[in-house]
């Protein structure tokens, strides 16, 4: 399946890529090859295949969802370079 250069240019623009003409031609060929491969997948007979939620047949053991604090507020603030009462002091990131 051929992918037009205009389509490649639009995809490159959406992905914020600056492609040369040679790169656009290569991308067009590569995308066409990928789409050809995907078309081959539609030819595979899957009517007798059961849908899978997971390729592993092992079940995942569930754990209880229990909230717990691993350290106190004071212990957490000991790791801060600067703190004020119960808050971390960080440098301003927006101007």
PDB file of N, CA and C in Angstrom:
ATOM      1  N   UNK A   1       0.859  -1.170   0.000  1.00  0.00           N
ATOM      2  CA  UNK A   1       0.000   0.000   0.000  1.00  0.00           C
ATOM      3  C   UNK A   1       0.906   1.234   0.000  1.00  0.00           C
ATOM      4  N   UNK A   2       0.655   2.100  -0.919  1.00  0.00           N
ATOM      5  CA  UNK A   2       1.470   3.310  -1.035  1.00  0.00           C
ATOM      6  C   UNK A   2       0.913   4.407  -0.123  1.00  0.00           C
ATOM      7  N   UNK A   3       1.815   5.115   0.522  1.00  0.00           N
ATOM      8  CA  UNK A   3       1.432   6.250   1.347  1.00  0.00           C
ATOM      9  C   UNK A   3       1.914   7.505   0.631  1.00  0.00           C
ATOM     10  N   UNK A   4       1.001   8.410   0.377  1.00  0.00           N
ATOM     11  CA  UNK A   4       1.341   9.618  -0.365  1.00  0.00           C
ATOM     12  C   UNK A   4       2.272  10.517   0.447  1.00  0.00           C
ATOM     13  N   UNK A   5       3.088  11.280  -0.272  1.00  0.00           N
ATOM     14  CA  UNK A   5       4.026  12.204   0.367  1.00  0.00           C
ATOM     15  C   UNK A   5       3.277  13.254   1.191  1.00  0.00           C
ATOM     16  N   UNK A   6       2.100  13.691   0.714  1.00  0.00           N
ATOM     17  CA  UNK A   6       1.322  14.678   1.476  1.00  0.00           C
ATOM     18  C   UNK A   6       0.900  14.119   2.829  1.00  0.00           C
ATOM     19  N   UNK A   7       0.568  12.837   2.856  1.00  0.00           N
ATOM     20  CA  UNK A   7       0.196  12.194   4.117  1.00  0.00           C
ATOM     21  C   UNK A   7       1.403  12.127   5.047  1.00  0.00           C
ATOM     22  N   UNK A   8       2.554  11.802   4.495  1.00  0.00           N
ATOM     23  CA  UNK A   8       3.781  11.754   5.291  1.00  0.00           C
ATOM     24  C   UNK A   8       4.096  13.141   5.841  1.00  0.00           C
ATOM     25  N   UNK A   9       3.940  14.174   5.009  1.00  0.00           N
ATOM     26  CA  UNK A   9       4.202  15.539   5.470  1.00  0.00           C
ATOM     27  C   UNK A   9       3.254  15.928   6.602  1.00  0.00           C
ATOM     28  N   UNK A  10       1.983  15.532   6.482  1.00  0.00           N
ATOM     29  CA  UNK A  10       1.011  15.852   7.529  1.00  0.00           C
ATOM     30  C   UNK A  10       1.362  15.120   8.829  1.00  0.00           C
ATOM     31  N   UNK A  11       1.719  13.835   8.711  1.00  0.00           N
ATOM     32  CA  UNK A  11       2.104  13.077   9.908  1.00  0.00           C
ATOM     33  C   UNK A  11       3.364  13.654  10.547  1.00  0.00           C
ATOM     34  N   UNK A  12       4.324  14.054   9.701  1.00  0.00           N
ATOM     35  CA  UNK A  12       5.556  14.651  10.229  1.00  0.00           C
ATOM     36  C   UNK A  12       5.251  15.959  10.943  1.00  0.00           C
ATOM     37  N   UNK A  13       4.334  16.734  10.393  1.00  0.00           N
ATOM     38  CA  UNK A  13       3.947  17.993  11.033  1.00  0.00           C
ATOM     39  C   UNK A  13       3.282  17.733  12.383  1.00  0.00           C
ATOM     40  N   UNK A  14       2.392  16.754  12.426  1.00  0.00           N
ATOM     41  CA  UNK A  14       1.719  16.422  13.687  1.00  0.00           C
ATOM     42  C   UNK A  14       2.709  15.909  14.731  1.00  0.00           C
ATOM     43  N   UNK A  15       3.738  15.180  14.275  1.00  0.00           N
ATOM     44  CA  UNK A  15       4.744  14.642  15.186  1.00  0.00           C
ATOM     45  C   UNK A  15       5.871  15.627  15.440  1.00  0.00           C
ATOM     46  N   UNK A  16       5.744  16.834  14.874  1.00  0.00           N
ATOM     47  CA  UNK A  16       6.751  17.883  15.029  1.00  0.00           C
ATOM     48  C   UNK A  16       8.120  17.415  14.537  1.00  0.00           C
ATOM     49  N   UNK A  17       8.129  16.719  13.366  1.00  0.00           N
ATOM     50  CA  UNK A  17       9.363  16.247  12.758  1.00  0.00           C
ATOM     51  C   UNK A  17       9.695  17.125  11.569  1.00  0.00           C
ATOM     52  N   UNK A  18      10.960  17.412  11.395  1.00  0.00           N
ATOM     53  CA  UNK A  18      11.426  18.176  10.249  1.00  0.00           C
ATOM     54  C   UNK A  18      12.181  17.204   9.351  1.00  0.00           C
ATOM     55  N   UNK A  19      11.496  16.679   8.322  1.00  0.00           N
ATOM     56  CA  UNK A  19      12.071  15.662   7.456  1.00  0.00           C
ATOM     57  C   UNK A  19      12.562  16.276   6.153  1.00  0.00           C
ATOM     58  N   UNK A  20      13.691  15.752   5.661  1.00  0.00           N
ATOM     59  CA  UNK A  20      14.146  16.131   4.328  1.00  0.00           C
ATOM     60  C   UNK A  20      13.318  15.361   3.308  1.00  0.00           C
ATOM     61  N   UNK A  21      13.477  15.719   2.029  1.00  0.00           N
ATOM     62  CA  UNK A  21      12.702  15.038   0.982  1.00  0.00           C
ATOM     63  C   UNK A  21      13.060  13.548   0.935  1.00  0.00           C
ATOM     64  N   UNK A  22      14.355  13.225   1.102  1.00  0.00           N
ATOM     65  CA  UNK A  22      14.775  11.816   1.097  1.00  0.00           C
ATOM     66  C   UNK A  22      14.165  11.063   2.277  1.00  0.00           C
ATOM     67  N   UNK A  23      14.118  11.709   3.423  1.00  0.00           N
ATOM     68  CA  UNK A  23      13.515  11.072   4.595  1.00  0.00           C
ATOM     69  C   UNK A  23      12.017  10.873   4.396  1.00  0.00           C
ATOM     70  N   UNK A  24      11.353  11.823   3.752  1.00  0.00           N
ATOM     71  CA  UNK A  24       9.921  11.679   3.456  1.00  0.00           C
ATOM     72  C   UNK A  24       9.683  10.493   2.537  1.00  0.00           C
ATOM     73  N   UNK A  25      10.520  10.322   1.522  1.00  0.00           N
ATOM     74  CA  UNK A  25      10.379   9.185   0.610  1.00  0.00           C
ATOM     75  C   UNK A  25      10.578   7.865   1.344  1.00  0.00           C
ATOM     76  N   UNK A  26      11.609   7.818   2.207  1.00  0.00           N
ATOM     77  CA  UNK A  26      11.857   6.592   2.978  1.00  0.00           C
ATOM     78  C   UNK A  26      10.701   6.321   3.934  1.00  0.00           C
ATOM     79  N   UNK A  27      10.198   7.371   4.587  1.00  0.00           N
ATOM     80  CA  UNK A  27       9.076   7.215   5.513  1.00  0.00           C
ATOM     81  C   UNK A  27       7.844   6.719   4.774  1.00  0.00           C
ATOM     82  N   UNK A  28       7.616   7.222   3.566  1.00  0.00           N
ATOM     83  CA  UNK A  28       6.481   6.787   2.761  1.00  0.00           C
ATOM     84  C   UNK A  28       6.575   5.293   2.471  1.00  0.00           C
ATOM     85  N   UNK A  29       7.773   4.834   2.089  1.00  0.00           N
ATOM     86  CA  UNK A  29       7.967   3.413   1.812  1.00  0.00           C
ATOM     87  C   UNK A  29       7.789   2.591   3.082  1.00  0.00           C
ATOM     88  N   UNK A  30       8.403   3.041   4.190  1.00  0.00           N
ATOM     89  CA  UNK A  30       8.316   2.296   5.454  1.00  0.00           C
ATOM     90  C   UNK A  30       6.877   2.197   5.952  1.00  0.00           C
ATOM     91  N   UNK A  31       6.137   3.300   5.889  1.00  0.00           N
ATOM     92  CA  UNK A  31       4.736   3.265   6.327  1.00  0.00           C
ATOM     93  C   UNK A  31       3.911   2.350   5.434  1.00  0.00           C
ATOM     94  N   UNK A  32       4.195   2.369   4.134  1.00  0.00           N
ATOM     95  CA  UNK A  32       3.497   1.465   3.215  1.00  0.00           C
ATOM     96  C   UNK A  32       3.766   0.013   3.558  1.00  0.00           C
ATOM     97  N   UNK A  33       5.033  -0.309   3.885  1.00  0.00           N
ATOM     98  CA  UNK A  33       5.380  -1.686   4.273  1.00  0.00           C
ATOM     99  C   UNK A  33       4.649  -2.096   5.547  1.00  0.00           C
ATOM    100  N   UNK A  34       4.555  -1.178   6.502  1.00  0.00           N
ATOM    101  CA  UNK A  34       3.855  -1.480   7.760  1.00  0.00           C
ATOM    102  C   UNK A  34       2.374  -1.739   7.492  1.00  0.00           C
ATOM    103  N   UNK A  35       1.763  -0.904   6.669  1.00  0.00           N
ATOM    104  CA  UNK A  35       0.340  -1.089   6.362  1.00  0.00           C
ATOM    105  C   UNK A  35       0.096  -2.377   5.585  1.00  0.00           C
ATOM    106  N   UNK A  36       1.028  -2.759   4.710  1.00  0.00           N
ATOM    107  CA  UNK A  36       0.911  -4.043   4.000  1.00  0.00           C
ATOM    108  C   UNK A  36       0.956  -5.198   4.986  1.00  0.00           C
ATOM    109  N   UNK A  37       1.833  -5.107   5.977  1.00  0.00           N
ATOM    110  CA  UNK A  37       1.937  -6.166   6.979  1.00  0.00           C
ATOM    111  C   UNK A  37       0.651  -6.259   7.803  1.00  0.00           C
ATOM    112  N   UNK A  38       0.079  -5.112   8.153  1.00  0.00           N
ATOM    113  CA  UNK A  38      -1.171  -5.108   8.917  1.00  0.00           C
ATOM    114  C   UNK A  38      -2.294  -5.723   8.091  1.00  0.00           C
ATOM    115  N   UNK A  39      -2.301  -5.473   6.784  1.00  0.00           N
ATOM    116  CA  UNK A  39      -3.315  -6.080   5.922  1.00  0.00           C
ATOM    117  C   UNK A  39      -3.175  -7.600   5.910  1.00  0.00           C
ATOM    118  N   UNK A  40      -1.941  -8.097   5.972  1.00  0.00           N
ATOM    119  CA  UNK A  40      -1.736  -9.547   6.013  1.00  0.00           C
ATOM    120  C   UNK A  40      -2.348 -10.154   7.273  1.00  0.00           C
ATOM    121  N   UNK A  41      -2.360  -9.408   8.359  1.00  0.00           N
ATOM    122  CA  UNK A  41      -2.946  -9.923   9.601  1.00  0.00           C
ATOM    123  C   UNK A  41      -4.435 -10.189   9.451  1.00  0.00           C
ATOM    124  N   UNK A  42      -5.120  -9.411   8.610  1.00  0.00           N
ATOM    125  CA  UNK A  42      -6.561  -9.615   8.439  1.00  0.00           C
ATOM    126  C   UNK A  42      -6.860 -10.908   7.699  1.00  0.00           C
ATOM    127  N   UNK A  43      -5.859 -11.481   7.030  1.00  0.00           N
ATOM    128  CA  UNK A  43      -6.063 -12.732   6.299  1.00  0.00           C
ATOM    129  C   UNK A  43      -5.919 -13.962   7.190  1.00  0.00           C
ATOM    130  N   UNK A  44      -5.449 -13.789   8.413  1.00  0.00           N
ATOM    131  CA  UNK A  44      -5.249 -14.915   9.320  1.00  0.00           C
ATOM    132  C   UNK A  44      -6.600 -15.385   9.847  1.00  0.00           C
ATOM    133  N   UNK A  45      -6.803 -16.694   9.851  1.00  0.00           N
ATOM    134  CA  UNK A  45      -8.054 -17.286  10.332  1.00  0.00           C
ATOM    135  C   UNK A  45      -8.040 -17.308  11.861  1.00  0.00           C
ATOM    136  N   UNK A  46      -8.937 -16.548  12.468  1.00  0.00           N
ATOM    137  CA  UNK A  46      -8.989 -16.473  13.925  1.00  0.00           C
ATOM    138  C   UNK A  46     -10.366 -16.804  14.492  1.00  0.00           C
ATOM    139  N   UNK A  47     -11.225 -17.404  13.694  1.00  0.00           N
ATOM    140  CA  UNK A  47     -12.586 -17.667  14.175  1.00  0.00           C
ATOM    141  C   UNK A  47     -12.618 -18.688  15.316  1.00  0.00           C
ATOM    142  N   UNK A  48     -11.657 -19.604  15.360  1.00  0.00           N
ATOM    143  CA  UNK A  48     -11.633 -20.623  16.413  1.00  0.00           C
ATOM    144  C   UNK A  48     -10.734 -20.239  17.588  1.00  0.00           C
ATOM    145  N   UNK A  49     -10.196 -19.029  17.583  1.00  0.00           N
ATOM    146  CA  UNK A  49      -9.291 -18.598  18.637  1.00  0.00           C
ATOM    147  C   UNK A  49     -10.079 -17.802  19.668  1.00  0.00           C
ATOM    148  N   UNK A  50      -9.966 -18.210  20.923  1.00  0.00           N
ATOM    149  CA  UNK A  50     -10.663 -17.499  21.993  1.00  0.00           C
ATOM    150  C   UNK A  50      -9.941 -16.194  22.300  1.00  0.00           C
ATOM    151  N   UNK A  51     -10.684 -15.133  22.602  1.00  0.00           N
ATOM    152  CA  UNK A  51     -10.022 -13.876  22.954  1.00  0.00           C
ATOM    153  C   UNK A  51      -9.279 -14.012  24.282  1.00  0.00           C
ATOM    154  N   UNK A  52      -8.158 -13.329  24.365  1.00  0.00           N
ATOM    155  CA  UNK A  52      -7.328 -13.387  25.566  1.00  0.00           C
ATOM    156  C   UNK A  52      -7.319 -12.038  26.263  1.00  0.00           C
ATOM    157  N   UNK A  53      -7.414 -12.075  27.554  1.00  0.00           N
ATOM    158  CA  UNK A  53      -7.221 -10.868  28.335  1.00  0.00           C
ATOM    159  C   UNK A  53      -5.765 -10.745  28.741  1.00  0.00           C
ATOM    160  N   UNK A  54      -5.079 -11.881  28.776  1.00  0.00           N
ATOM    161  CA  UNK A  54      -3.691 -11.918  29.164  1.00  0.00           C
ATOM    162  C   UNK A  54      -3.069 -13.152  28.515  1.00  0.00           C
ATOM    163  N   UNK A  55      -1.873 -13.042  27.994  1.00  0.00           N
ATOM    164  CA  UNK A  55      -1.250 -14.192  27.362  1.00  0.00           C
ATOM    165  C   UNK A  55      -0.801 -15.224  28.381  1.00  0.00           C
ATOM    166  N   UNK A  56      -0.628 -14.820  29.610  1.00  0.00           N
ATOM    167  CA  UNK A  56      -0.307 -15.755  30.687  1.00  0.00           C
ATOM    168  C   UNK A  56      -1.581 -16.412  31.167  1.00  0.00           C
ATOM    169  N   UNK A  57      -1.507 -17.684  31.427  1.00  0.00           N
ATOM    170  CA  UNK A  57      -2.673 -18.370  31.979  1.00  0.00           C
ATOM    171  C   UNK A  57      -2.697 -18.275  33.499  1.00  0.00           C
ATOM    172  N   UNK A  58      -1.599 -17.827  34.092  1.00  0.00           N
ATOM    173  CA  UNK A  58      -1.538 -17.685  35.543  1.00  0.00           C
ATOM    174  C   UNK A  58      -2.406 -16.513  35.977  1.00  0.00           C
ATOM    175  N   UNK A  59      -3.078 -16.700  37.082  1.00  0.00           N
ATOM    176  CA  UNK A  59      -3.866 -15.600  37.617  1.00  0.00           C
ATOM    177  C   UNK A  59      -2.970 -14.739  38.517  1.00  0.00           C
ATOM    178  N   UNK A  60      -3.280 -13.487  38.568  1.00  0.00           N
ATOM    179  CA  UNK A  60      -2.514 -12.563  39.391  1.00  0.00           C
ATOM    180  C   UNK A  60      -3.159 -12.499  40.764  1.00  0.00           C
ATOM    181  N   UNK A  61      -2.402 -12.805  41.811  1.00  0.00           N
ATOM    182  CA  UNK A  61      -3.009 -12.755  43.150  1.00  0.00           C
ATOM    183  C   UNK A  61      -3.318 -11.311  43.535  1.00  0.00           C
ATOM    184  N   UNK A  62      -4.456 -11.119  44.139  1.00  0.00           N
ATOM    185  CA  UNK A  62      -4.859  -9.792  44.577  1.00  0.00           C
ATOM    186  C   UNK A  62      -4.420  -9.565  46.011  1.00  0.00           C
ATOM    187  N   UNK A  63      -4.127  -8.329  46.322  1.00  0.00           N
ATOM    188  CA  UNK A  63      -3.754  -7.990  47.696  1.00  0.00           C
ATOM    189  C   UNK A  63      -4.793  -7.002  48.227  1.00  0.00           C
ATOM    190  N   UNK A  64      -4.855  -6.919  49.520  1.00  0.00           N
ATOM    191  CA  UNK A  64      -5.773  -5.963  50.130  1.00  0.00           C
ATOM    192  C   UNK A  64      -5.273  -4.559  49.868  1.00  0.00           C
ATOM    193  N   UNK A  65      -6.168  -3.656  49.543  1.00  0.00           N
ATOM    194  CA  UNK A  65      -5.815  -2.266  49.300  1.00  0.00           C
ATOM    195  C   UNK A  65      -5.949  -1.506  50.603  1.00  0.00           C
ATOM    196  N   UNK A  66      -4.838  -1.387  51.306  1.00  0.00           N
ATOM    197  CA  UNK A  66      -4.832  -0.760  52.617  1.00  0.00           C
ATOM    198  C   UNK A  66      -3.900   0.447  52.563  1.00  0.00           C
ATOM    199  N   UNK A  67      -4.425   1.586  52.955  1.00  0.00           N
ATOM    200  CA  UNK A  67      -3.607   2.795  53.004  1.00  0.00           C
ATOM    201  C   UNK A  67      -2.792   2.791  54.282  1.00  0.00           C
ATOM    202  N   UNK A  68      -1.533   3.171  54.148  1.00  0.00           N
ATOM    203  CA  UNK A  68      -0.700   3.267  55.342  1.00  0.00           C
ATOM    204  C   UNK A  68       0.372   4.315  55.103  1.00  0.00           C
ATOM    205  N   UNK A  69       0.754   4.982  56.157  1.00  0.00           N
ATOM    206  CA  UNK A  69       1.832   5.963  56.094  1.00  0.00           C
ATOM    207  C   UNK A  69       3.114   5.266  56.518  1.00  0.00           C
ATOM    208  N   UNK A  70       4.131   5.417  55.695  1.00  0.00           N
ATOM    209  CA  UNK A  70       5.380   4.742  55.995  1.00  0.00           C
ATOM    210  C   UNK A  70       6.279   5.573  56.883  1.00  0.00           C
ATOM    211  N   UNK A  71       6.101   6.870  56.866  1.00  0.00           N
ATOM    212  CA  UNK A  71       6.878   7.726  57.751  1.00  0.00           C
ATOM    213  C   UNK A  71       6.042   8.942  58.107  1.00  0.00           C
ATOM    214  N   UNK A  72       6.421   9.566  59.190  1.00  0.00           N
ATOM    215  CA  UNK A  72       5.646  10.709  59.671  1.00  0.00           C
ATOM    216  C   UNK A  72       5.980  11.953  58.855  1.00  0.00           C
ATOM    217  N   UNK A  73       5.194  12.988  59.053  1.00  0.00           N
ATOM    218  CA  UNK A  73       5.409  14.265  58.374  1.00  0.00           C
ATOM    219  C   UNK A  73       6.775  14.837  58.725  1.00  0.00           C
ATOM    220  N   UNK A  74       7.140  14.754  59.988  1.00  0.00           N
ATOM    221  CA  UNK A  74       8.433  15.285  60.427  1.00  0.00           C
ATOM    222  C   UNK A  74       9.582  14.518  59.795  1.00  0.00           C
ATOM    223  N   UNK A  75       9.437  13.206  59.693  1.00  0.00           N
ATOM    224  CA  UNK A  75      10.489  12.400  59.064  1.00  0.00           C
ATOM    225  C   UNK A  75      10.639  12.758  57.588  1.00  0.00           C
ATOM    226  N   UNK A  76       9.532  13.037  56.911  1.00  0.00           N
ATOM    227  CA  UNK A  76       9.581  13.417  55.500  1.00  0.00           C
ATOM    228  C   UNK A  76      10.264  14.766  55.331  1.00  0.00           C
ATOM    229  N   UNK A  77       9.981  15.690  56.218  1.00  0.00           N
ATOM    230  CA  UNK A  77      10.572  17.021  56.127  1.00  0.00           C
ATOM    231  C   UNK A  77      12.058  17.030  56.461  1.00  0.00           C
ATOM    232  N   UNK A  78      12.542  15.987  57.137  1.00  0.00           N
ATOM    233  CA  UNK A  78      13.977  15.905  57.416  1.00  0.00           C
ATOM    234  C   UNK A  78      14.787  15.765  56.126  1.00  0.00           C
ATOM    235  N   UNK A  79      14.187  15.225  55.075  1.00  0.00           N
ATOM    236  CA  UNK A  79      14.870  15.036  53.800  1.00  0.00           C
ATOM    237  C   UNK A  79      14.837  16.281  52.926  1.00  0.00           C
ATOM    238  N   UNK A  80      14.062  17.269  53.286  1.00  0.00           N
ATOM    239  CA  UNK A  80      13.915  18.475  52.472  1.00  0.00           C
ATOM    240  C   UNK A  80      15.099  19.406  52.683  1.00  0.00           C
ATOM    241  N   UNK A  81      15.630  19.986  51.581  1.00  0.00           N
ATOM    242  CA  UNK A  81      16.690  20.976  51.751  1.00  0.00           C
ATOM    243  C   UNK A  81      16.196  22.198  52.511  1.00  0.00           C
ATOM    244  N   UNK A  82      14.949  22.605  52.251  1.00  0.00           N
ATOM    245  CA  UNK A  82      14.332  23.721  52.968  1.00  0.00           C
ATOM    246  C   UNK A  82      12.894  23.345  53.295  1.00  0.00           C
ATOM    247  N   UNK A  83      12.450  23.724  54.472  1.00  0.00           N
ATOM    248  CA  UNK A  83      11.059  23.457  54.836  1.00  0.00           C
ATOM    249  C   UNK A  83      10.565  24.571  55.755  1.00  0.00           C
ATOM    250  N   UNK A  84       9.236  24.678  55.830  1.00  0.00           N
ATOM    251  CA  UNK A  84       8.598  25.679  56.689  1.00  0.00           C
ATOM    252  C   UNK A  84       7.408  24.998  57.340  1.00  0.00           C
ATOM    253  N   UNK A  85       7.456  24.768  58.620  1.00  0.00           N
ATOM    254  CA  UNK A  85       6.433  24.032  59.371  1.00  0.00           C
ATOM    255  C   UNK A  85       6.167  22.684  58.705  1.00  0.00           C
ATOM    256  N   UNK A  86       5.037  22.569  58.010  1.00  0.00           N
ATOM    257  CA  UNK A  86       4.667  21.284  57.432  1.00  0.00           C
ATOM    258  C   UNK A  86       4.782  21.286  55.915  1.00  0.00           C
ATOM    259  N   UNK A  87       5.599  22.173  55.339  1.00  0.00           N
ATOM    260  CA  UNK A  87       5.665  22.309  53.877  1.00  0.00           C
ATOM    261  C   UNK A  87       7.107  22.259  53.394  1.00  0.00           C
ATOM    262  N   UNK A  88       7.268  21.726  52.183  1.00  0.00           N
ATOM    263  CA  UNK A  88       8.554  21.793  51.487  1.00  0.00           C
ATOM    264  C   UNK A  88       8.670  23.160  50.837  1.00  0.00           C
ATOM    265  N   UNK A  89       9.834  23.751  50.852  1.00  0.00           N
ATOM    266  CA  UNK A  89      10.083  25.010  50.135  1.00  0.00           C
ATOM    267  C   UNK A  89      10.899  24.650  48.896  1.00  0.00           C
ATOM    268  N   UNK A  90      10.351  24.987  47.732  1.00  0.00           N
ATOM    269  CA  UNK A  90      11.006  24.666  46.468  1.00  0.00           C
ATOM    270  C   UNK A  90      11.234  25.942  45.676  1.00  0.00           C
ATOM    271  N   UNK A  91      12.199  25.937  44.753  1.00  0.00           N
ATOM    272  CA  UNK A  91      12.403  27.127  43.944  1.00  0.00           C
ATOM    273  C   UNK A  91      11.222  27.392  43.014  1.00  0.00           C
ATOM    274  N   UNK A  92      11.019  28.648  42.686  1.00  0.00           N
ATOM    275  CA  UNK A  92       9.954  29.050  41.775  1.00  0.00           C
ATOM    276  C   UNK A  92      10.277  28.509  40.395  1.00  0.00           C
ATOM    277  N   UNK A  93       9.303  27.848  39.743  1.00  0.00           N
ATOM    278  CA  UNK A  93       9.547  27.262  38.428  1.00  0.00           C
ATOM    279  C   UNK A  93       8.845  28.024  37.311  1.00  0.00           C
ATOM    280  N   UNK A  94       7.894  28.874  37.633  1.00  0.00           N
ATOM    281  CA  UNK A  94       7.203  29.678  36.641  1.00  0.00           C
ATOM    282  C   UNK A  94       7.556  31.134  36.844  1.00  0.00           C
ATOM    283  N   UNK A  95       7.671  31.865  35.736  1.00  0.00           N
ATOM    284  CA  UNK A  95       8.014  33.284  35.892  1.00  0.00           C
ATOM    285  C   UNK A  95       6.818  34.156  35.657  1.00  0.00           C
TER     286      UNK A  95
END
